[in-house]
Amino acid sequence: MAIIQFLLFLFLFAIFAILFAVLFFAAKARQIVNRFKKQSTSQQHQSEGNVVIDQRDPQKANRKIIPKDEGEYIDFTEE
């Protein structure tokens, strides 16, 4: 009978430990999400003064700036 009581106690302890761990990690995740939201809203408020609206037609907006015959190819070598 003592073994059954011990196993029941151990099982309940494990359930509560798992529940505590899940709630703890959920709270930490919520804190991290709130921190990122706060940072993103502060960055949006800082960049509101510099808004550029591109009013060109799509053909002019998507064309290449540098012609194909201009520039040179440089082979990358790691030292």
PDB file of N, CA and C in Angstrom:
ATOM      1  N   MET A   1       0.814  -1.200   0.000  1.00  0.00           N
ATOM      2  CA  MET A   1       0.000   0.000   0.000  1.00  0.00           C
ATOM      3  C   MET A   1       0.862   1.271   0.000  1.00  0.00           C
ATOM      4  N   ALA A   2       1.983   1.206   0.675  1.00  0.00           N
ATOM      5  CA  ALA A   2       2.879   2.365   0.747  1.00  0.00           C
ATOM      6  C   ALA A   2       3.495   2.649  -0.616  1.00  0.00           C
ATOM      7  N   ILE A   3       3.735   1.581  -1.373  1.00  0.00           N
ATOM      8  CA  ILE A   3       4.321   1.761  -2.704  1.00  0.00           C
ATOM      9  C   ILE A   3       3.322   2.467  -3.624  1.00  0.00           C
ATOM     10  N   ILE A   4       2.065   2.115  -3.537  1.00  0.00           N
ATOM     11  CA  ILE A   4       1.041   2.758  -4.366  1.00  0.00           C
ATOM     12  C   ILE A   4       0.899   4.233  -3.985  1.00  0.00           C
ATOM     13  N   GLN A   5       0.919   4.536  -2.706  1.00  0.00           N
ATOM     14  CA  GLN A   5       0.838   5.929  -2.259  1.00  0.00           C
ATOM     15  C   GLN A   5       2.054   6.720  -2.752  1.00  0.00           C
ATOM     16  N   PHE A   6       3.234   6.114  -2.661  1.00  0.00           N
ATOM     17  CA  PHE A   6       4.443   6.773  -3.135  1.00  0.00           C
ATOM     18  C   PHE A   6       4.385   7.032  -4.637  1.00  0.00           C
ATOM     19  N   LEU A   7       3.938   6.049  -5.395  1.00  0.00           N
ATOM     20  CA  LEU A   7       3.831   6.226  -6.843  1.00  0.00           C
ATOM     21  C   LEU A   7       2.793   7.284  -7.204  1.00  0.00           C
ATOM     22  N   LEU A   8       1.682   7.318  -6.468  1.00  0.00           N
ATOM     23  CA  LEU A   8       0.667   8.348  -6.686  1.00  0.00           C
ATOM     24  C   LEU A   8       1.221   9.731  -6.376  1.00  0.00           C
ATOM     25  N   PHE A   9       1.944   9.857  -5.281  1.00  0.00           N
ATOM     26  CA  PHE A   9       2.573  11.126  -4.924  1.00  0.00           C
ATOM     27  C   PHE A   9       3.585  11.541  -5.990  1.00  0.00           C
ATOM     28  N   LEU A  10       4.377  10.590  -6.448  1.00  0.00           N
ATOM     29  CA  LEU A  10       5.376  10.874  -7.479  1.00  0.00           C
ATOM     30  C   LEU A  10       4.708  11.310  -8.784  1.00  0.00           C
ATOM     31  N   PHE A  11       3.621  10.657  -9.141  1.00  0.00           N
ATOM     32  CA  PHE A  11       2.889  11.013 -10.350  1.00  0.00           C
ATOM     33  C   PHE A  11       2.299  12.424 -10.243  1.00  0.00           C
ATOM     34  N   LEU A  12       1.665  12.740  -9.105  1.00  0.00           N
ATOM     35  CA  LEU A  12       1.097  14.082  -8.914  1.00  0.00           C
ATOM     36  C   LEU A  12       2.189  15.150  -8.908  1.00  0.00           C
ATOM     37  N   PHE A  13       3.324  14.847  -8.279  1.00  0.00           N
ATOM     38  CA  PHE A  13       4.440  15.785  -8.271  1.00  0.00           C
ATOM     39  C   PHE A  13       4.941  16.041  -9.693  1.00  0.00           C
ATOM     40  N   ALA A  14       5.032  15.005 -10.498  1.00  0.00           N
ATOM     41  CA  ALA A  14       5.486  15.161 -11.881  1.00  0.00           C
ATOM     42  C   ALA A  14       4.487  15.993 -12.683  1.00  0.00           C
ATOM     43  N   ILE A  15       3.204  15.771 -12.472  1.00  0.00           N
ATOM     44  CA  ILE A  15       2.178  16.560 -13.177  1.00  0.00           C
ATOM     45  C   ILE A  15       2.304  18.038 -12.823  1.00  0.00           C
ATOM     46  N   PHE A  16       2.449  18.330 -11.521  1.00  0.00           N
ATOM     47  CA  PHE A  16       2.579  19.730 -11.102  1.00  0.00           C
ATOM     48  C   PHE A  16       3.880  20.352 -11.599  1.00  0.00           C
ATOM     49  N   ALA A  17       4.948  19.584 -11.630  1.00  0.00           N
ATOM     50  CA  ALA A  17       6.224  20.097 -12.131  1.00  0.00           C
ATOM     51  C   ALA A  17       6.122  20.433 -13.615  1.00  0.00           C
ATOM     52  N   ILE A  18       5.484  19.564 -14.379  1.00  0.00           N
ATOM     53  CA  ILE A  18       5.313  19.825 -15.818  1.00  0.00           C
ATOM     54  C   ILE A  18       4.417  21.035 -16.029  1.00  0.00           C
ATOM     55  N   LEU A  19       3.341  21.137 -15.267  1.00  0.00           N
ATOM     56  CA  LEU A  19       2.446  22.288 -15.379  1.00  0.00           C
ATOM     57  C   LEU A  19       3.176  23.590 -15.041  1.00  0.00           C
ATOM     58  N   PHE A  20       3.965  23.573 -13.981  1.00  0.00           N
ATOM     59  CA  PHE A  20       4.733  24.754 -13.602  1.00  0.00           C
ATOM     60  C   PHE A  20       5.724  25.141 -14.704  1.00  0.00           C
ATOM     61  N   ALA A  21       6.409  24.154 -15.287  1.00  0.00           N
ATOM     62  CA  ALA A  21       7.386  24.436 -16.340  1.00  0.00           C
ATOM     63  C   ALA A  21       6.700  25.035 -17.565  1.00  0.00           C
ATOM     64  N   VAL A  22       5.546  24.511 -17.944  1.00  0.00           N
ATOM     65  CA  VAL A  22       4.828  25.031 -19.108  1.00  0.00           C
ATOM     66  C   VAL A  22       4.380  26.469 -18.858  1.00  0.00           C
ATOM     67  N   LEU A  23       3.831  26.736 -17.673  1.00  0.00           N
ATOM     68  CA  LEU A  23       3.399  28.099 -17.356  1.00  0.00           C
ATOM     69  C   LEU A  23       4.576  29.060 -17.281  1.00  0.00           C
ATOM     70  N   PHE A  24       5.698  28.602 -16.742  1.00  0.00           N
ATOM     71  CA  PHE A  24       6.892  29.444 -16.647  1.00  0.00           C
ATOM     72  C   PHE A  24       7.401  29.822 -18.038  1.00  0.00           C
ATOM     73  N   PHE A  25       7.507  28.830 -18.925  1.00  0.00           N
ATOM     74  CA  PHE A  25       8.006  29.114 -20.275  1.00  0.00           C
ATOM     75  C   PHE A  25       7.007  29.940 -21.083  1.00  0.00           C
ATOM     76  N   ALA A  26       5.729  29.768 -20.849  1.00  0.00           N
ATOM     77  CA  ALA A  26       4.730  30.589 -21.536  1.00  0.00           C
ATOM     78  C   ALA A  26       4.848  32.046 -21.097  1.00  0.00           C
ATOM     79  N   ALA A  27       5.067  32.267 -19.808  1.00  0.00           N
ATOM     80  CA  ALA A  27       5.227  33.637 -19.311  1.00  0.00           C
ATOM     81  C   ALA A  27       6.488  34.276 -19.888  1.00  0.00           C
ATOM     82  N   LYS A  28       7.571  33.525 -19.948  1.00  0.00           N
ATOM     83  CA  LYS A  28       8.808  34.064 -20.526  1.00  0.00           C
ATOM     84  C   LYS A  28       8.629  34.379 -22.010  1.00  0.00           C
ATOM     85  N   ALA A  29       7.946  33.504 -22.740  1.00  0.00           N
ATOM     86  CA  ALA A  29       7.700  33.754 -24.162  1.00  0.00           C
ATOM     87  C   ALA A  29       6.841  34.996 -24.335  1.00  0.00           C
ATOM     88  N   ARG A  30       5.851  35.180 -23.485  1.00  0.00           N
ATOM     89  CA  ARG A  30       4.995  36.366 -23.552  1.00  0.00           C
ATOM     90  C   ARG A  30       5.807  37.631 -23.293  1.00  0.00           C
ATOM     91  N   GLN A  31       6.750  37.577 -22.342  1.00  0.00           N
ATOM     92  CA  GLN A  31       7.612  38.728 -22.071  1.00  0.00           C
ATOM     93  C   GLN A  31       8.480  39.062 -23.279  1.00  0.00           C
ATOM     94  N   ILE A  32       9.021  38.047 -23.933  1.00  0.00           N
ATOM     95  CA  ILE A  32       9.879  38.274 -25.094  1.00  0.00           C
ATOM     96  C   ILE A  32       9.069  38.871 -26.240  1.00  0.00           C
ATOM     97  N   VAL A  33       7.859  38.369 -26.467  1.00  0.00           N
ATOM     98  CA  VAL A  33       7.011  38.904 -27.536  1.00  0.00           C
ATOM     99  C   VAL A  33       6.663  40.353 -27.251  1.00  0.00           C
ATOM    100  N   ASN A  34       6.330  40.669 -26.009  1.00  0.00           N
ATOM    101  CA  ASN A  34       6.006  42.054 -25.663  1.00  0.00           C
ATOM    102  C   ASN A  34       7.205  42.971 -25.845  1.00  0.00           C
ATOM    103  N   ARG A  35       8.397  42.481 -25.528  1.00  0.00           N
ATOM    104  CA  ARG A  35       9.601  43.290 -25.698  1.00  0.00           C
ATOM    105  C   ARG A  35       9.841  43.587 -27.177  1.00  0.00           C
ATOM    106  N   PHE A  36       9.664  42.581 -28.052  1.00  0.00           N
ATOM    107  CA  PHE A  36       9.847  42.803 -29.479  1.00  0.00           C
ATOM    108  C   PHE A  36       8.774  43.733 -30.036  1.00  0.00           C
ATOM    109  N   LYS A  37       7.545  43.613 -29.545  1.00  0.00           N
ATOM    110  CA  LYS A  37       6.488  44.529 -30.000  1.00  0.00           C
ATOM    111  C   LYS A  37       6.815  45.960 -29.614  1.00  0.00           C
ATOM    112  N   LYS A  38       7.318  46.147 -28.399  1.00  0.00           N
ATOM    113  CA  LYS A  38       7.658  47.496 -27.940  1.00  0.00           C
ATOM    114  C   LYS A  38       8.788  48.079 -28.781  1.00  0.00           C
ATOM    115  N   GLN A  39       9.786  47.245 -29.106  1.00  0.00           N
ATOM    116  CA  GLN A  39      10.899  47.719 -29.924  1.00  0.00           C
ATOM    117  C   GLN A  39      10.443  48.065 -31.333  1.00  0.00           C
ATOM    118  N   SER A  40       9.567  47.265 -31.906  1.00  0.00           N
ATOM    119  CA  SER A  40       9.129  47.529 -33.270  1.00  0.00           C
ATOM    120  C   SER A  40       8.268  48.778 -33.342  1.00  0.00           C
ATOM    121  N   THR A  41       7.440  49.027 -32.332  1.00  0.00           N
ATOM    122  CA  THR A  41       6.628  50.249 -32.356  1.00  0.00           C
ATOM    123  C   THR A  41       7.492  51.481 -32.161  1.00  0.00           C
ATOM    124  N   SER A  42       8.547  51.375 -31.345  1.00  0.00           N
ATOM    125  CA  SER A  42       9.421  52.533 -31.167  1.00  0.00           C
ATOM    126  C   SER A  42      10.205  52.812 -32.446  1.00  0.00           C
ATOM    127  N   GLN A  43      10.583  51.770 -33.188  1.00  0.00           N
ATOM    128  CA  GLN A  43      11.285  51.971 -34.451  1.00  0.00           C
ATOM    129  C   GLN A  43      10.358  52.574 -35.493  1.00  0.00           C
ATOM    130  N   GLN A  44       9.090  52.211 -35.488  1.00  0.00           N
ATOM    131  CA  GLN A  44       8.143  52.766 -36.447  1.00  0.00           C
ATOM    132  C   GLN A  44       7.937  54.247 -36.180  1.00  0.00           C
ATOM    133  N   HIS A  45       7.890  54.638 -34.918  1.00  0.00           N
ATOM    134  CA  HIS A  45       7.697  56.048 -34.600  1.00  0.00           C
ATOM    135  C   HIS A  45       8.922  56.873 -34.985  1.00  0.00           C
ATOM    136  N   GLN A  46      10.100  56.290 -34.917  1.00  0.00           N
ATOM    137  CA  GLN A  46      11.306  57.023 -35.271  1.00  0.00           C
ATOM    138  C   GLN A  46      11.417  57.238 -36.771  1.00  0.00           C
ATOM    139  N   SER A  47      10.895  56.335 -37.577  1.00  0.00           N
ATOM    140  CA  SER A  47      11.084  56.432 -39.016  1.00  0.00           C
ATOM    141  C   SER A  47       9.899  57.069 -39.731  1.00  0.00           C
ATOM    142  N   GLU A  48       8.952  57.637 -38.996  1.00  0.00           N
ATOM    143  CA  GLU A  48       7.783  58.221 -39.650  1.00  0.00           C
ATOM    144  C   GLU A  48       8.112  59.488 -40.433  1.00  0.00           C
ATOM    145  N   GLY A  49       9.157  60.206 -40.088  1.00  0.00           N
ATOM    146  CA  GLY A  49       9.472  61.458 -40.745  1.00  0.00           C
ATOM    147  C   GLY A  49      10.042  61.292 -42.144  1.00  0.00           C
ATOM    148  N   ASN A  50      10.598  60.145 -42.473  1.00  0.00           N
ATOM    149  CA  ASN A  50      11.258  59.934 -43.753  1.00  0.00           C
ATOM    150  C   ASN A  50      10.456  58.951 -44.595  1.00  0.00           C
ATOM    151  N   VAL A  51       9.396  59.425 -45.196  1.00  0.00           N
ATOM    152  CA  VAL A  51       8.552  58.562 -46.027  1.00  0.00           C
ATOM    153  C   VAL A  51       8.780  58.924 -47.484  1.00  0.00           C
ATOM    154  N   VAL A  52       9.119  57.919 -48.298  1.00  0.00           N
ATOM    155  CA  VAL A  52       9.349  58.123 -49.723  1.00  0.00           C
ATOM    156  C   VAL A  52       8.303  57.319 -50.476  1.00  0.00           C
ATOM    157  N   ILE A  53       7.569  57.974 -51.351  1.00  0.00           N
ATOM    158  CA  ILE A  53       6.550  57.309 -52.154  1.00  0.00           C
ATOM    159  C   ILE A  53       7.033  57.286 -53.592  1.00  0.00           C
ATOM    160  N   ASP A  54       7.158  56.087 -54.149  1.00  0.00           N
ATOM    161  CA  ASP A  54       7.628  55.920 -55.517  1.00  0.00           C
ATOM    162  C   ASP A  54       6.424  56.043 -56.452  1.00  0.00           C
ATOM    163  N   GLN A  55       6.401  57.095 -57.258  1.00  0.00           N
ATOM    164  CA  GLN A  55       5.264  57.341 -58.141  1.00  0.00           C
ATOM    165  C   GLN A  55       5.606  57.055 -59.603  1.00  0.00           C
ATOM    166  N   ARG A  56       6.707  56.331 -59.833  1.00  0.00           N
ATOM    167  CA  ARG A  56       7.077  56.004 -61.202  1.00  0.00           C
ATOM    168  C   ARG A  56       6.214  54.859 -61.713  1.00  0.00           C
ATOM    169  N   ASP A  57       6.101  54.764 -63.031  1.00  0.00           N
ATOM    170  CA  ASP A  57       5.364  53.633 -63.589  1.00  0.00           C
ATOM    171  C   ASP A  57       6.209  52.364 -63.424  1.00  0.00           C
ATOM    172  N   PRO A  58       5.599  51.192 -63.426  1.00  0.00           N
ATOM    173  CA  PRO A  58       6.326  49.950 -63.136  1.00  0.00           C
ATOM    174  C   PRO A  58       7.480  49.668 -64.088  1.00  0.00           C
ATOM    175  N   GLN A  59       7.390  50.089 -65.344  1.00  0.00           N
ATOM    176  CA  GLN A  59       8.484  49.835 -66.284  1.00  0.00           C
ATOM    177  C   GLN A  59       9.734  50.604 -65.880  1.00  0.00           C
ATOM    178  N   LYS A  60       9.587  51.844 -65.464  1.00  0.00           N
ATOM    179  CA  LYS A  60      10.740  52.627 -65.040  1.00  0.00           C
ATOM    180  C   LYS A  60      11.256  52.167 -63.676  1.00  0.00           C
ATOM    181  N   ALA A  61      10.374  51.758 -62.813  1.00  0.00           N
ATOM    182  CA  ALA A  61      10.787  51.343 -61.473  1.00  0.00           C
ATOM    183  C   ALA A  61      11.548  50.025 -61.499  1.00  0.00           C
ATOM    184  N   ASN A  62      11.262  49.123 -62.436  1.00  0.00           N
ATOM    185  CA  ASN A  62      11.894  47.803 -62.459  1.00  0.00           C
ATOM    186  C   ASN A  62      13.083  47.711 -63.398  1.00  0.00           C
ATOM    187  N   ARG A  63      13.453  48.780 -64.069  1.00  0.00           N
ATOM    188  CA  ARG A  63      14.571  48.690 -65.003  1.00  0.00           C
ATOM    189  C   ARG A  63      15.897  48.675 -64.249  1.00  0.00           C
ATOM    190  N   LYS A  64      16.932  48.147 -64.921  1.00  0.00           N
ATOM    191  CA  LYS A  64      18.246  48.064 -64.310  1.00  0.00           C
ATOM    192  C   LYS A  64      18.900  49.440 -64.316  1.00  0.00           C
ATOM    193  N   ILE A  65      19.615  49.721 -63.268  1.00  0.00           N
ATOM    194  CA  ILE A  65      20.272  51.015 -63.146  1.00  0.00           C
ATOM    195  C   ILE A  65      21.624  51.002 -63.853  1.00  0.00           C
ATOM    196  N   ILE A  66      22.368  49.936 -63.695  1.00  0.00           N
ATOM    197  CA  ILE A  66      23.697  49.834 -64.301  1.00  0.00           C
ATOM    198  C   ILE A  66      23.585  48.987 -65.566  1.00  0.00           C
ATOM    199  N   PRO A  67      24.047  49.502 -66.708  1.00  0.00           N
ATOM    200  CA  PRO A  67      23.988  48.717 -67.938  1.00  0.00           C
ATOM    201  C   PRO A  67      24.880  47.475 -67.863  1.00  0.00           C
ATOM    202  N   LYS A  68      24.601  46.497 -68.742  1.00  0.00           N
ATOM    203  CA  LYS A  68      25.353  45.240 -68.722  1.00  0.00           C
ATOM    204  C   LYS A  68      26.816  45.429 -69.097  1.00  0.00           C
ATOM    205  N   ASP A  69      27.106  46.396 -69.967  1.00  0.00           N
ATOM    206  CA  ASP A  69      28.489  46.570 -70.415  1.00  0.00           C
ATOM    207  C   ASP A  69      29.317  47.418 -69.448  1.00  0.00           C
ATOM    208  N   GLU A  70      28.746  47.867 -68.374  1.00  0.00           N
ATOM    209  CA  GLU A  70      29.454  48.707 -67.418  1.00  0.00           C
ATOM    210  C   GLU A  70      29.781  47.899 -66.170  1.00  0.00           C
ATOM    211  N   GLY A  71      30.943  48.149 -65.602  1.00  0.00           N
ATOM    212  CA  GLY A  71      31.371  47.459 -64.395  1.00  0.00           C
ATOM    213  C   GLY A  71      32.244  46.278 -64.718  1.00  0.00           C
ATOM    214  N   GLU A  72      32.779  45.636 -63.710  1.00  0.00           N
ATOM    215  CA  GLU A  72      33.651  44.502 -63.914  1.00  0.00           C
ATOM    216  C   GLU A  72      33.355  43.423 -62.888  1.00  0.00           C
ATOM    217  N   TYR A  73      33.697  42.196 -63.231  1.00  0.00           N
ATOM    218  CA  TYR A  73      33.479  41.063 -62.345  1.00  0.00           C
ATOM    219  C   TYR A  73      34.727  40.882 -61.504  1.00  0.00           C
ATOM    220  N   ILE A  74      34.546  40.753 -60.202  1.00  0.00           N
ATOM    221  CA  ILE A  74      35.680  40.525 -59.304  1.00  0.00           C
ATOM    222  C   ILE A  74      35.465  39.171 -58.664  1.00  0.00           C
ATOM    223  N   ASP A  75      36.438  38.281 -58.863  1.00  0.00           N
ATOM    224  CA  ASP A  75      36.358  36.947 -58.292  1.00  0.00           C
ATOM    225  C   ASP A  75      36.717  37.025 -56.820  1.00  0.00           C
ATOM    226  N   PHE A  76      35.864  36.486 -55.966  1.00  0.00           N
ATOM    227  CA  PHE A  76      36.094  36.532 -54.528  1.00  0.00           C
ATOM    228  C   PHE A  76      37.060  35.442 -54.128  1.00  0.00           C
ATOM    229  N   THR A  77      38.089  35.832 -53.397  1.00  0.00           N
ATOM    230  CA  THR A  77      39.040  34.855 -52.861  1.00  0.00           C
ATOM    231  C   THR A  77      39.116  35.059 -51.362  1.00  0.00           C
ATOM    232  N   GLU A  78      38.998  33.974 -50.625  1.00  0.00           N
ATOM    233  CA  GLU A  78      39.051  34.057 -49.178  1.00  0.00           C
ATOM    234  C   GLU A  78      40.484  33.867 -48.721  1.00  0.00           C
ATOM    235  N   GLU A  79      40.930  34.749 -47.862  1.00  0.00           N
ATOM    236  CA  GLU A  79      42.326  34.684 -47.406  1.00  0.00           C
ATOM    237  C   GLU A  79      42.422  34.049 -46.053  1.00  0.00           C
TER     238      GLU A  79
END
